[in-house]
C-alpha atoms as a PDB file:
ATOM      1  CA  MET A   1       0.000   0.000   0.000  1.00  0.00           C
ATOM      2  CA  ASP A   2       1.179   3.494  -0.798  1.00  0.00           C
ATOM      3  CA  THR A   3       1.372   5.282   2.540  1.00  0.00           C
ATOM      4  CA  ILE A   4       1.404   8.922   3.509  1.00  0.00           C
ATOM      5  CA  THR A   5       2.460  10.188   6.908  1.00  0.00           C
ATOM      6  CA  ALA A   6       2.910  13.547   8.584  1.00  0.00           C
ATOM      7  CA  GLN A   7       6.640  13.263   7.857  1.00  0.00           C
ATOM      8  CA  THR A   8       6.152  12.938   4.084  1.00  0.00           C
ATOM      9  CA  ASN A   9       7.069  16.126   2.232  1.00  0.00           C
ATOM     10  CA  TYR A  10       4.346  16.983  -0.269  1.00  0.00           C
ATOM     11  CA  ILE A  11       3.274  19.959  -2.281  1.00  0.00           C
ATOM     12  CA  VAL A  12      -0.465  19.756  -2.961  1.00  0.00           C
ATOM     13  CA  LEU A  13      -1.861  21.917  -5.764  1.00  0.00           C
ATOM     14  CA  ALA A  14      -4.709  22.170  -8.222  1.00  0.00           C
ATOM     15  CA  PRO A  15      -3.874  20.806 -11.699  1.00  0.00           C
ATOM     16  CA  ASP A  16      -2.729  23.344 -14.320  1.00  0.00           C
ATOM     17  CA  GLN A  17      -5.392  22.057 -16.709  1.00  0.00           C
ATOM     18  CA  PRO A  18      -8.867  20.967 -15.598  1.00  0.00           C
ATOM     19  CA  THR A  19      -9.059  17.230 -14.954  1.00  0.00           C
ATOM     20  CA  ASP A  20     -11.005  15.265 -17.564  1.00  0.00           C
ATOM     21  CA  LYS A  21     -14.685  15.551 -16.557  1.00  0.00           C
ATOM     22  CA  ALA A  22     -15.413  11.959 -17.601  1.00  0.00           C
ATOM     23  CA  LEU A  23     -12.623  10.748 -15.318  1.00  0.00           C
ATOM     24  CA  VAL A  24     -13.892  12.803 -12.366  1.00  0.00           C
ATOM     25  CA  LYS A  25     -17.440  11.533 -12.955  1.00  0.00           C
ATOM     26  CA  LYS A  26     -16.310   7.880 -13.052  1.00  0.00           C
ATOM     27  CA  ILE A  27     -14.295   8.300  -9.858  1.00  0.00           C
ATOM     28  CA  SER A  28     -17.200  10.050  -8.148  1.00  0.00           C
ATOM     29  CA  GLN A  29     -19.566   7.232  -9.165  1.00  0.00           C
ATOM     30  CA  THR A  30     -17.101   4.632  -7.889  1.00  0.00           C
ATOM     31  CA  LEU A  31     -16.825   6.358  -4.514  1.00  0.00           C
ATOM     32  CA  ALA A  32     -20.546   7.058  -4.078  1.00  0.00           C
ATOM     33  CA  ASP A  33     -21.399   3.604  -2.723  1.00  0.00           C
ATOM     34  CA  ILE A  34     -18.459   3.331  -0.337  1.00  0.00           C
ATOM     35  CA  GLU A  35     -19.913   4.344   3.030  1.00  0.00           C
ATOM     36  CA  SER A  36     -16.520   4.553   4.749  1.00  0.00           C
ATOM     37  CA  ILE A  37     -15.299   7.404   2.507  1.00  0.00           C
ATOM     38  CA  HIS A  38     -16.414  10.744   3.946  1.00  0.00           C
ATOM     39  CA  GLU A  39     -14.897  12.939   1.239  1.00  0.00           C
ATOM     40  CA  ALA A  40     -12.514  12.650  -1.683  1.00  0.00           C
ATOM     41  CA  HIS A  41     -10.268  15.077  -3.559  1.00  0.00           C
ATOM     42  CA  LEU A  42      -8.266  14.771  -6.798  1.00  0.00           C
ATOM     43  CA  PRO A  43      -5.435  17.354  -6.763  1.00  0.00           C
ATOM     44  CA  HIS A  44      -1.924  17.184  -8.151  1.00  0.00           C
ATOM     45  CA  VAL A  45       0.820  16.207  -5.708  1.00  0.00           C
ATOM     46  CA  ILE A  46       4.580  16.554  -5.882  1.00  0.00           C
ATOM     47  CA  GLU A  47       6.503  14.366  -3.451  1.00  0.00           C
ATOM     48  CA  LEU A  48       9.704  16.238  -2.660  1.00  0.00           C
ATOM     49  CA  GLY A  49      12.844  14.185  -3.110  1.00  0.00           C
ATOM     50  CA  LYS A  50      11.032  11.603  -5.206  1.00  0.00           C
ATOM     51  CA  SER A  51       9.689  13.439  -8.227  1.00  0.00           C
ATOM     52  CA  ASN A  52       9.391  16.935  -9.595  1.00  0.00           C
ATOM     53  CA  GLU A  53       6.421  16.031 -11.794  1.00  0.00           C
ATOM     54  CA  PRO A  54       2.934  16.597 -10.390  1.00  0.00           C
ATOM     55  CA  GLN A  55       0.958  13.378 -10.057  1.00  0.00           C
ATOM     56  CA  LEU A  56      -2.836  13.230 -10.085  1.00  0.00           C
ATOM     57  CA  THR A  57      -3.696  11.874  -6.627  1.00  0.00           C
ATOM     58  CA  LEU A  58      -6.980  10.686  -5.173  1.00  0.00           C
ATOM     59  CA  PHE A  59      -7.263  11.391  -1.454  1.00  0.00           C
ATOM     60  CA  ALA A  60     -10.004   9.321   0.175  1.00  0.00           C
ATOM     61  CA  ILE A  61     -10.749  10.609   3.670  1.00  0.00           C
ATOM     62  CA  VAL A  62     -12.023   8.015   6.131  1.00  0.00           C
ATOM     63  CA  ALA A  63     -12.671   7.553   9.850  1.00  0.00           C
ATOM     64  CA  ASP A  64      -9.799   6.284  12.000  1.00  0.00           C
ATOM     65  CA  ASP A  65     -11.350   2.827  12.437  1.00  0.00           C
ATOM     66  CA  VAL A  66     -11.480   2.023   8.698  1.00  0.00           C
ATOM     67  CA  ASP A  67      -9.060  -0.595   7.340  1.00  0.00           C
ATOM     68  CA  GLN A  68      -7.085   1.719   5.071  1.00  0.00           C
ATOM     69  CA  SER A  69      -5.141  -1.094   3.410  1.00  0.00           C
ATOM     70  CA  ASP A  70      -8.262  -2.972   2.267  1.00  0.00           C
ATOM     71  CA  LEU A  71      -9.857   0.209   0.980  1.00  0.00           C
ATOM     72  CA  TRP A  72      -6.668   1.209  -0.867  1.00  0.00           C
ATOM     73  CA  ASN A  73      -6.511  -2.220  -2.547  1.00  0.00           C
ATOM     74  CA  PHE A  74     -10.150  -1.955  -3.633  1.00  0.00           C
ATOM     75  CA  LEU A  75      -9.774   1.588  -4.996  1.00  0.00           C
ATOM     76  CA  ASN A  76      -6.537   0.788  -6.782  1.00  0.00           C
ATOM     77  CA  ALA A  77      -8.119  -2.215  -8.522  1.00  0.00           C
ATOM     78  CA  LYS A  78     -11.219  -0.218  -9.522  1.00  0.00           C
ATOM     79  CA  ILE A  79      -9.478   2.959 -10.621  1.00  0.00           C
ATOM     80  CA  ASN A  80      -6.050   1.932 -11.923  1.00  0.00           C
ATOM     81  CA  GLY A  81      -7.069  -1.547 -13.027  1.00  0.00           C
ATOM     82  CA  GLY A  82     -10.325  -0.487 -14.541  1.00  0.00           C
ATOM     83  CA  PHE A  83     -11.842   2.353 -16.431  1.00  0.00           C
ATOM     84  CA  PHE A  84      -9.028   4.807 -17.306  1.00  0.00           C
ATOM     85  CA  ARG A  85      -5.852   2.809 -17.806  1.00  0.00           C
ATOM     86  CA  LYS A  86      -4.271   5.708 -19.719  1.00  0.00           C
ATOM     87  CA  THR A  87      -4.288   7.919 -16.635  1.00  0.00           C
ATOM     88  CA  ARG A  88      -2.341   6.640 -13.634  1.00  0.00           C
ATOM     89  CA  ILE A  89      -3.769   7.973 -10.392  1.00  0.00           C
ATOM     90  CA  ASP A  90      -1.998   7.727  -7.058  1.00  0.00           C
ATOM     91  CA  ILE A  91      -4.364   6.755  -4.262  1.00  0.00           C
ATOM     92  CA  LYS A  92      -3.995   7.901  -0.675  1.00  0.00           C
ATOM     93  CA  VAL A  93      -6.408   6.775   2.041  1.00  0.00           C
ATOM     94  CA  ILE A  94      -6.092   9.144   4.977  1.00  0.00           C
ATOM     95  CA  PRO A  95      -7.906   9.752   8.283  1.00  0.00           C
ATOM     96  CA  LYS A  96     -10.017  12.843   8.974  1.00  0.00           C
ATOM     97  CA  ASN A  97      -7.347  14.243  11.301  1.00  0.00           C
ATOM     98  CA  PHE A  98      -4.549  14.138   8.705  1.00  0.00           C
ATOM     99  CA  PRO A  99      -2.376  17.299   9.029  1.00  0.00           C
ATOM    100  CA  LEU A 100      -2.469  18.178   5.294  1.00  0.00           C
ATOM    101  CA  LEU A 101      -6.233  17.813   4.956  1.00  0.00           C
ATOM    102  CA  GLN A 102      -6.922  21.553   4.905  1.00  0.00           C
ATOM    103  CA  ALA A 103      -4.272  22.077   2.201  1.00  0.00           C
ATOM    104  CA  ILE A 104      -5.917  19.281   0.183  1.00  0.00           C
ATOM    105  CA  ARG A 105      -9.343  20.903   0.613  1.00  0.00           C
ATOM    106  CA  ASP A 106      -7.925  24.306  -0.376  1.00  0.00           C
ATOM    107  CA  THR A 107      -7.121  23.007  -3.891  1.00  0.00           C
ATOM    108  CA  ASN A 108     -10.875  22.891  -4.624  1.00  0.00           C
ATOM    109  CA  CYS A 109     -10.505  19.500  -6.303  1.00  0.00           C
ATOM    110  CA  LEU A 110     -13.406  17.824  -4.505  1.00  0.00           C
ATOM    111  CA  VAL A 111     -14.837  14.754  -6.268  1.00  0.00           C
ATOM    112  CA  GLY A 112     -17.240  13.569  -3.576  1.00  0.00           C
ATOM    113  CA  TRP A 113     -18.414  13.921  -0.007  1.00  0.00           C
ATOM    114  CA  ARG A 114     -20.857  12.352   2.403  1.00  0.00           C
ATOM    115  CA  ASP A 115     -22.739  14.270   5.089  1.00  0.00           C
END
């Protein structure tokens, strides 16, 4: 599983070009039936020291008690093994108290939420 911690150095930003609307719609539809996901965002991320190229990244925000590994495996199979093989999307499953959550929200790249 691809992990993200408070010690990981990331720059989170909105994509230069709007993300393909069909891609966003498919991701939103995929997430809609997953009760454990409270909100999801699809910004670009640069991981300092690893890459200088922005990578489209899906952040799925969940409660602390959710098995993040199982959810990551499911999302990865659905999204990267399924409908848009041309577009590789990093997937990060993070808890609601994740320190970068406000920066992720500030990109205005919301693809879904649950009240």
